[in-house]
C-alpha cells in the first residue's frame, strides 16, 4: 500500500527551512524527522531563495520595468565612463 503524501503549507515550509538556516538543524535530521526526501527540501530552499525578493517588494507598485531600465541605463553609462578612463 502507498504512503499518503503530506502537503505542507507555505508557512510550514518556511518554518522547516528556518530550522535549518537559522537554528542549524542538519538537513538529514529534518528529513528523517519529517519523512521528507532531501530533494524536496532542496527544491523548497531553491524556490525560497529565488522568490525571496517578493517579500521586500512594495505592495502598491506593480510595474518595476521603467525603474529597472533606468537603473540599467545608469550603470551602463558609468561602466562606459570607467572604460574610457581606463589606461590602454
Protein backbone atom coordinates (compact mmCIF):
# COMPACT_ATOMS: atom_id res chain seq x y z
CA UNK A 1 0.00 0.00 0.00
CA UNK A 2 1.23 3.50 -0.87
CA UNK A 3 2.03 6.01 1.82
CA UNK A 4 -0.13 9.15 1.94
CA UNK A 5 1.70 12.33 0.93
CA UNK A 6 1.89 15.14 3.42
CA UNK A 7 1.09 18.52 1.90
CA UNK A 8 2.89 21.32 3.71
CA UNK A 9 1.55 24.87 3.82
CA UNK A 10 3.86 27.71 2.81
CA UNK A 11 4.17 28.66 6.49
CA UNK A 12 5.23 25.12 7.40
CA UNK A 13 7.80 25.09 4.61
CA UNK A 14 9.30 28.37 5.82
CA UNK A 15 9.39 27.05 9.40
CA UNK A 16 11.24 23.93 8.22
CA UNK A 17 13.72 25.99 6.19
CA UNK A 18 14.21 28.33 9.16
CA UNK A 19 15.09 25.40 11.41
CA UNK A 20 17.93 24.54 9.06
CA UNK A 21 19.10 28.04 8.13
CA UNK A 22 18.74 29.81 11.48
CA UNK A 23 18.86 27.09 14.10
CA UNK A 24 21.42 24.97 12.26
CA UNK A 25 19.49 21.69 12.30
CA UNK A 26 21.03 19.27 9.81
CA UNK A 27 19.04 18.56 6.66
CA UNK A 28 19.34 14.83 7.24
CA UNK A 29 17.86 15.24 10.74
CA UNK A 30 14.97 17.36 9.47
CA UNK A 31 14.18 14.99 6.62
CA UNK A 32 14.35 11.94 8.88
CA UNK A 33 12.10 13.57 11.46
CA UNK A 34 9.51 14.68 8.90
CA UNK A 35 9.77 11.75 6.48
CA UNK A 36 10.79 14.19 3.78
CA UNK A 37 13.03 13.46 0.79
CA UNK A 38 16.15 15.68 0.76
CA UNK A 39 15.44 16.58 -2.87
CA UNK A 40 12.12 18.08 -1.77
CA UNK A 41 13.86 20.10 0.92
CA UNK A 42 16.43 21.41 -1.58
CA UNK A 43 13.66 22.30 -4.05
CA UNK A 44 11.87 24.32 -1.34
CA UNK A 45 15.13 26.05 -0.46
CA UNK A 46 15.77 26.93 -4.10
CA UNK A 47 12.24 28.31 -4.54
CA UNK A 48 12.57 30.26 -1.29
CA UNK A 49 15.77 31.99 -2.38
CA UNK A 50 14.56 32.61 -5.93
CA UNK A 51 11.32 34.19 -4.73
CA UNK A 52 12.65 35.85 -1.61
CA UNK A 53 12.78 39.29 -3.24
CA UNK A 54 8.99 39.28 -3.42
CA UNK A 55 8.88 39.67 0.36
CA UNK A 56 10.63 43.04 0.05
CA UNK A 57 8.58 44.47 -2.81
CA UNK A 58 6.28 47.35 -2.03
CA UNK A 59 2.64 46.38 -2.22
CA UNK A 60 1.42 49.43 -4.16
CA UNK A 61 3.90 49.23 -7.02
CA UNK A 62 3.15 46.72 -9.72
CA UNK A 63 5.34 47.88 -12.61
CA UNK A 64 9.07 47.92 -11.94
CA UNK A 65 10.19 47.77 -15.54
CA UNK A 66 10.79 51.54 -16.09
CA UNK A 67 12.74 51.77 -12.85
CA UNK A 68 14.83 48.70 -13.71
CA UNK A 69 15.56 50.10 -17.16
CA UNK A 70 16.64 53.41 -15.64
CA UNK A 71 18.99 51.66 -13.21
CA UNK A 72 20.46 49.54 -16.02
CA UNK A 73 20.97 52.67 -18.13
CA UNK A 74 22.76 54.49 -15.30
CA UNK A 75 25.05 51.51 -14.66
CA UNK A 76 25.86 51.14 -18.33
CA UNK A 77 26.80 54.84 -18.56
CA UNK A 78 29.02 54.55 -15.50
CA UNK A 79 30.71 51.49 -16.96
CA UNK A 80 31.38 53.30 -20.25
CA UNK A 81 32.89 56.26 -18.39
CA UNK A 82 35.18 53.95 -16.46
CA UNK A 83 36.26 52.17 -19.62
CA UNK A 84 37.15 55.48 -21.33
CA UNK A 85 39.38 56.48 -18.43
CA UNK A 86 40.95 53.03 -18.24
CA UNK A 87 44.65 53.10 -19.24
CA UNK A 88 45.33 51.42 -22.57
